[in-house]
Amino acid sequence: MAKIRTAIIPVAGSGTRFLPATKALPKEMLPIVDKPIIQFLVEEAVAAGITNIIFVTGRGKRAIEDHFDYSFELTHLLKKKKNHKLLEKIKKIADLASFSYVRQPQPLGDGQAILMARPLVGDEPVAIMFGDDLVDSRVPVIKQLMKVFEKYGDPVIAVEKVPKKEVDRYGVIKGVKIENRTYQVEKIVEKPPVAKAPSNLAVIGKYIITPDVFDILASLGKDRTGEIRLAGALAELIKHRPVYAYEFEGDRYDCGDKLGFLKATINYGLKHRELKADFKKYLKSLKI
C-alpha cells in the first residue's frame, strides 16, 4: 500500500471572523502564544511521517511562504547577537519539510482548492488538513487516520462527537460502527437541522483521500452555494467504495472561532516551558 508522503493544506480563506486582525495578516499566521497556527499543522504532519507539504494559497497569503522560508536578514541578526538558541529554532522551521505552493485564483470552495494541488501529488493517497482545527493529542490525528487507512486502504475522515445542539454547524456522518472509534460511512450531511441530524459525529478538517477523489472533484459541479466541496466528492465516492470515519483521540480547538482560539491560547500557554508557571499563577489570581 502506498505510503502517505504528502499533505495538502488549503489556506486561501479570507478569515473574516477575525477582522480587523486578518485585514493584512493571514488568519493561519495568528499566533498561539509564540507559534502561528499553521506551524502547528505542519508539525503534526511531520510528526506523522509526512515529508511534503503543499499549501493552496490565495491573495494576501505571502506571509505563510515567508514563514517557512529561510530569512538571511534575521539569521544574520541572531548570529550577530549570538542568540544561538533562537537561531536554531528559526532555522528548523524551514527544514521541517519540502514546501510547495499553488494559488487558488478564486474562492470556489475547498474541493476546488484541493484539486489545484493535484498536479503536485501524483497518483498516490494524500492527507488533507484545514487550518482551523488544532488538536492537542499524544498521537498526531493524521497518524491516527493513517493507521485506519493502512488497515482498510480506503479514504478516512476525522470525526468528533459534538453536542447535539451544535450539529447544524458541521458536516455530520451517518455510519455503522465496525470497531472501536471506527465507522463505515453511509452518508455525509452538510449542516443538518438539529432534529434531522443522523448523528452527532461531526466531520473535522483532517482526511486521508485516495486518487479517485481527485477524479470526482474534477467532474463535480458546484453546489447550491456556488462552490465545489470535498464533502460532495466524498458523498459521491461512498456510492462506489467504502469510506471510513475515525473518532480521533485528543482535544480539538476550533481556531477559526474567536472563543476556540482563546481556549487554544490558554491551553498551550499552560504548557509553554517558559511561561506556564507564571501564567498559571496569573490565571489563579483573576477574580472572575
Protein backbone atom coordinates (compact mmCIF):
# COMPACT_ATOMS: atom_id res chain seq x y z
CA MET A 1 0.00 0.00 0.00
CA ALA A 2 1.24 3.47 -0.90
CA LYS A 3 2.76 5.43 1.96
CA ILE A 4 1.27 8.84 2.80
CA ARG A 5 4.10 11.23 1.95
CA THR A 6 2.20 14.43 1.20
CA ALA A 7 -0.27 16.74 2.95
CA ILE A 8 -2.37 19.40 1.22
CA ILE A 9 -3.16 22.37 3.44
CA PRO A 10 -5.67 24.83 1.91
CA VAL A 11 -5.01 28.34 3.26
CA ALA A 12 -6.79 30.57 0.75
CA GLY A 13 -9.66 31.59 3.08
CA SER A 14 -10.21 35.24 3.92
CA GLY A 15 -10.52 34.94 7.72
CA THR A 16 -13.42 37.38 8.02
CA ARG A 17 -14.31 36.19 11.54
CA PHE A 18 -11.05 37.70 12.82
CA LEU A 19 -11.25 41.10 11.15
CA PRO A 20 -9.67 43.59 11.54
CA ALA A 21 -6.70 41.45 12.70
CA THR A 22 -6.74 39.50 9.42
CA LYS A 23 -7.04 42.52 7.11
CA ALA A 24 -3.31 42.25 6.27
CA LEU A 25 -2.32 39.09 8.18
CA PRO A 26 -3.38 35.57 7.11
CA LYS A 27 -5.58 34.01 9.80
CA GLU A 28 -3.31 30.94 9.71
CA MET A 29 -0.46 33.16 10.94
CA LEU A 30 -2.28 34.23 14.10
CA PRO A 31 -0.06 33.09 16.99
CA ILE A 32 -0.93 30.60 19.69
CA VAL A 33 1.44 32.09 22.31
CA ASP A 34 4.59 32.34 20.12
CA LYS A 35 3.86 29.95 17.24
CA PRO A 36 1.45 30.52 14.34
CA ILE A 37 -1.46 28.15 13.91
CA ILE A 38 -0.15 26.95 10.55
CA GLN A 39 3.11 25.76 12.10
CA PHE A 40 1.20 23.51 14.50
CA LEU A 41 -0.44 21.84 11.48
CA VAL A 42 2.85 21.37 9.66
CA GLU A 43 4.47 19.91 12.78
CA GLU A 44 1.52 17.49 13.15
CA ALA A 45 2.02 16.31 9.57
CA VAL A 46 5.79 15.94 10.00
CA ALA A 47 5.35 14.02 13.28
CA ALA A 48 3.14 11.59 11.33
CA GLY A 49 5.94 10.94 8.84
CA ILE A 50 4.86 13.31 6.06
CA THR A 51 7.72 14.91 4.13
CA ASN A 52 5.94 17.06 1.51
CA ILE A 53 3.62 19.97 2.31
CA ILE A 54 1.52 21.63 -0.39
CA PHE A 55 -0.08 24.93 0.55
CA VAL A 56 -3.01 26.08 -1.57
CA THR A 57 -2.79 29.84 -1.10
CA GLY A 58 -4.59 32.95 -2.28
CA ARG A 59 -4.10 36.67 -2.42
CA GLY A 60 -2.59 38.12 0.76
CA LYS A 61 -1.01 34.85 1.96
CA ARG A 62 2.63 35.68 1.22
CA ALA A 63 3.45 35.71 4.95
CA ILE A 64 2.95 31.92 5.05
CA GLU A 65 5.58 31.42 2.34
CA ASP A 66 7.98 33.76 4.13
CA HIS A 67 7.46 31.95 7.45
CA PHE A 68 8.57 28.60 6.04
CA ASP A 69 11.46 30.09 4.09
CA TYR A 70 14.97 31.00 5.21
CA SER A 71 15.48 34.60 6.33
CA PHE A 72 19.01 35.81 5.66
CA GLU A 73 18.46 39.11 7.49
CA LEU A 74 17.03 37.51 10.63
CA THR A 75 19.70 34.79 10.63
CA HIS A 76 22.43 37.40 10.34
CA LEU A 77 20.91 39.46 13.18
CA LEU A 78 20.63 36.47 15.54
CA LYS A 79 24.19 35.39 14.73
CA LYS A 80 25.41 38.92 15.48
CA LYS A 81 23.59 38.87 18.82
CA LYS A 82 24.89 35.31 19.49
CA ASN A 83 21.36 34.15 20.21
CA HIS A 84 22.12 30.57 19.15
CA LYS A 85 19.06 29.04 20.80
CA LEU A 86 16.61 31.22 18.90
CA LEU A 87 18.68 30.92 15.72
CA GLU A 88 18.39 27.14 15.81
CA LYS A 89 14.64 27.34 16.41
CA ILE A 90 14.15 29.65 13.42
CA LYS A 91 16.32 27.52 11.09
CA LYS A 92 14.37 24.37 11.96
CA ILE A 93 11.13 25.87 10.60
CA ALA A 94 12.40 25.93 7.02
CA ASP A 95 13.79 22.40 7.41
CA LEU A 96 10.57 20.83 8.65
CA ALA A 97 9.53 19.52 5.21
CA SER A 98 9.67 20.15 1.48
CA PHE A 99 7.22 23.01 0.82
CA SER A 100 5.30 23.73 -2.39
CA TYR A 101 2.77 26.44 -3.14
CA VAL A 102 -0.09 26.70 -5.61
CA ARG A 103 -2.62 29.53 -5.87
CA GLN A 104 -6.38 29.25 -5.89
CA PRO A 105 -7.32 32.21 -8.14
CA GLN A 106 -10.95 32.37 -7.00
CA PRO A 107 -12.66 31.21 -3.77
CA LEU A 108 -14.66 28.38 -5.35
CA GLY A 109 -14.70 26.01 -2.38
CA ASP A 110 -12.41 23.65 -0.50
CA GLY A 111 -12.82 20.95 -3.16
CA GLN A 112 -11.56 23.25 -5.88
CA ALA A 113 -8.63 24.27 -3.66
CA ILE A 114 -7.65 20.61 -3.19
CA LEU A 115 -7.99 19.99 -6.93
CA MET A 116 -5.48 22.78 -7.59
CA ALA A 117 -2.82 20.65 -5.85
CA ARG A 118 -3.43 17.53 -7.94
CA PRO A 119 -0.51 18.05 -10.38
CA LEU A 120 1.90 18.13 -7.42
CA VAL A 121 0.54 14.97 -5.78
CA GLY A 122 0.68 12.34 -8.49
CA ASP A 123 -1.22 9.07 -8.31
CA GLU A 124 -1.00 8.41 -4.59
CA PRO A 125 -3.07 8.89 -1.43
CA VAL A 126 -2.65 12.19 0.37
CA ALA A 127 -3.54 13.84 3.70
CA ILE A 128 -5.79 16.89 3.77
CA MET A 129 -5.51 19.32 6.70
CA PHE A 130 -7.51 22.51 7.19
CA GLY A 131 -6.10 25.37 9.21
CA ASP A 132 -8.95 25.93 11.66
CA ASP A 133 -8.72 22.65 13.57
CA LEU A 134 -5.90 22.40 16.08
CA VAL A 135 -5.77 19.17 18.10
CA ASP A 136 -3.66 18.60 21.21
CA SER A 137 -3.04 14.85 21.18
CA ARG A 138 -0.41 12.31 22.15
CA VAL A 139 -0.52 10.74 18.66
CA PRO A 140 -0.98 13.19 15.76
CA VAL A 141 -4.52 12.96 14.38
CA ILE A 142 -3.20 12.42 10.85
CA LYS A 143 -1.16 9.48 12.18
CA GLN A 144 -4.32 8.07 13.76
CA LEU A 145 -6.07 8.30 10.38
CA MET A 146 -3.09 6.70 8.65
CA LYS A 147 -3.43 3.60 10.82
CA VAL A 148 -7.05 3.20 9.69
CA PHE A 149 -6.02 3.76 6.07
CA GLU A 150 -3.26 1.16 6.36
CA LYS A 151 -5.84 -1.38 7.56
CA TYR A 152 -8.60 -0.76 5.00
CA GLY A 153 -6.99 1.09 2.10
CA ASP A 154 -9.91 3.48 1.68
CA PRO A 155 -10.43 7.21 2.42
CA VAL A 156 -10.67 8.16 6.09
CA ILE A 157 -12.39 11.16 7.71
CA ALA A 158 -11.66 12.52 11.19
CA VAL A 159 -14.82 12.90 13.28
CA GLU A 160 -15.63 14.11 16.78
CA LYS A 161 -18.73 13.84 18.92
CA VAL A 162 -20.19 17.32 19.43
CA PRO A 163 -23.18 18.48 21.49
CA LYS A 164 -26.39 17.67 19.61
CA LYS A 165 -27.42 21.33 19.59
CA GLU A 166 -24.27 22.22 17.60
CA VAL A 167 -24.60 19.70 14.73
CA ASP A 168 -26.02 22.34 12.39
CA ARG A 169 -22.55 23.94 12.29
CA TYR A 170 -20.84 20.87 10.82
CA GLY A 171 -20.92 18.16 8.24
CA VAL A 172 -22.29 15.11 10.08
CA ILE A 173 -21.92 11.43 9.20
CA LYS A 174 -24.37 8.58 9.28
CA GLY A 175 -22.36 5.42 9.78
CA VAL A 176 -22.06 1.91 11.12
CA LYS A 177 -19.57 1.30 13.90
CA ILE A 178 -17.27 -1.54 12.82
CA GLU A 179 -14.68 -1.38 15.60
CA ASN A 180 -13.52 0.89 18.41
CA ARG A 181 -13.75 4.51 17.22
CA THR A 182 -14.07 3.41 13.57
CA TYR A 183 -17.20 3.75 11.41
CA GLN A 184 -18.06 2.88 7.83
CA VAL A 185 -19.74 5.98 6.46
CA GLU A 186 -23.15 5.63 4.82
CA LYS A 187 -23.88 9.31 4.32
CA ILE A 188 -22.45 12.79 4.93
CA VAL A 189 -24.99 15.52 5.64
CA GLU A 190 -23.82 19.13 5.48
CA LYS A 191 -25.04 21.31 8.38
CA PRO A 192 -28.27 19.41 9.04
CA PRO A 193 -31.09 20.83 11.18
CA VAL A 194 -30.66 19.53 14.73
CA ALA A 195 -33.88 17.49 14.53
CA LYS A 196 -32.79 15.75 11.31
CA ALA A 197 -29.11 15.09 12.04
CA PRO A 198 -28.22 11.39 11.55
CA SER A 199 -25.75 11.51 14.48
CA ASN A 200 -23.61 13.90 16.48
CA LEU A 201 -20.38 12.74 14.80
CA ALA A 202 -19.08 15.92 13.22
CA VAL A 203 -16.56 15.97 10.38
CA ILE A 204 -13.33 17.70 11.43
CA GLY A 205 -10.85 19.19 8.95
CA LYS A 206 -8.46 16.24 8.61
CA TYR A 207 -8.69 13.48 5.98
CA ILE A 208 -6.83 10.81 4.07
CA ILE A 209 -8.05 10.70 0.46
CA THR A 210 -7.28 8.41 -2.48
CA PRO A 211 -6.56 9.50 -6.10
CA ASP A 212 -10.13 8.75 -7.26
CA VAL A 213 -11.35 11.64 -5.08
CA PHE A 214 -9.49 13.99 -7.41
CA ASP A 215 -11.30 12.41 -10.38
CA ILE A 216 -14.67 13.09 -8.75
CA LEU A 217 -13.71 16.66 -7.82
CA ALA A 218 -12.72 17.30 -11.44
CA SER A 219 -16.17 16.27 -12.67
CA LEU A 220 -18.21 17.58 -9.75
CA GLY A 221 -20.44 20.57 -10.35
CA LYS A 222 -20.88 23.49 -7.99
CA ASP A 223 -23.26 23.06 -5.08
CA ARG A 224 -26.13 25.41 -4.19
CA THR A 225 -23.65 27.89 -2.69
CA GLY A 226 -21.66 28.03 -5.94
CA GLU A 227 -18.72 26.04 -4.57
CA ILE A 228 -17.03 22.69 -5.22
CA ARG A 229 -16.86 20.86 -1.91
CA LEU A 230 -14.76 17.94 -0.70
CA ALA A 231 -17.80 16.69 1.22
CA GLY A 232 -19.70 16.48 -2.07
CA ALA A 233 -16.94 14.39 -3.65
CA LEU A 234 -16.85 12.03 -0.66
CA ALA A 235 -20.65 11.70 -0.74
CA GLU A 236 -20.35 10.61 -4.38
CA LEU A 237 -17.44 8.27 -3.63
CA ILE A 238 -19.45 6.43 -0.97
CA LYS A 239 -21.68 5.10 -3.76
CA HIS A 240 -18.70 3.25 -5.28
CA ARG A 241 -16.30 2.28 -2.48
CA PRO A 242 -16.08 2.29 1.32
CA VAL A 243 -15.23 5.48 3.18
CA TYR A 244 -14.34 5.31 6.86
CA ALA A 245 -14.57 7.76 9.74
CA TYR A 246 -12.37 7.68 12.82
CA GLU A 247 -13.29 9.29 16.13
CA PHE A 248 -9.84 10.64 16.95
CA GLU A 249 -8.27 10.91 20.39
CA GLY A 250 -7.26 14.40 21.51
CA ASP A 251 -8.58 17.82 22.47
CA ARG A 252 -9.70 19.91 19.49
CA TYR A 253 -9.71 23.69 19.33
CA ASP A 254 -11.60 25.47 16.56
CA CYS A 255 -9.15 28.26 15.82
CA GLY A 256 -11.46 29.68 13.16
CA ASP A 257 -13.67 30.79 16.04
CA LYS A 258 -12.65 33.53 18.49
CA LEU A 259 -13.61 31.55 21.59
CA GLY A 260 -11.87 28.42 20.30
CA PHE A 261 -8.78 30.46 19.53
CA LEU A 262 -8.73 31.85 23.10
CA LYS A 263 -9.15 28.35 24.55
CA ALA A 264 -6.23 27.10 22.47
CA THR A 265 -4.08 30.02 23.61
CA ILE A 266 -4.80 29.25 27.27
CA ASN A 267 -4.18 25.51 26.82
CA TYR A 268 -0.84 25.95 25.08
CA GLY A 269 0.12 28.82 27.38
CA LEU A 270 -0.26 26.49 30.35
CA LYS A 271 2.08 24.01 28.62
CA HIS A 272 4.67 26.55 27.48
CA ARG A 273 8.02 25.74 29.06
CA GLU A 274 8.98 29.36 29.77
CA LEU A 275 5.57 30.76 30.70
CA LYS A 276 3.46 28.03 32.27
CA ALA A 277 4.29 28.68 35.95
CA ASP A 278 3.73 32.46 35.81
CA PHE A 279 0.72 32.12 33.51
CA LYS A 280 -0.94 29.61 35.84
CA LYS A 281 -0.31 31.91 38.78
CA TYR A 282 -1.83 34.81 36.86
CA LEU A 283 -4.97 32.87 35.91
CA LYS A 284 -5.48 31.86 39.53
CA SER A 285 -5.20 35.49 40.58
CA LEU A 286 -8.06 36.62 38.36
CA LYS A 287 -11.25 37.49 40.20
CA ILE A 288 -13.83 36.15 37.75
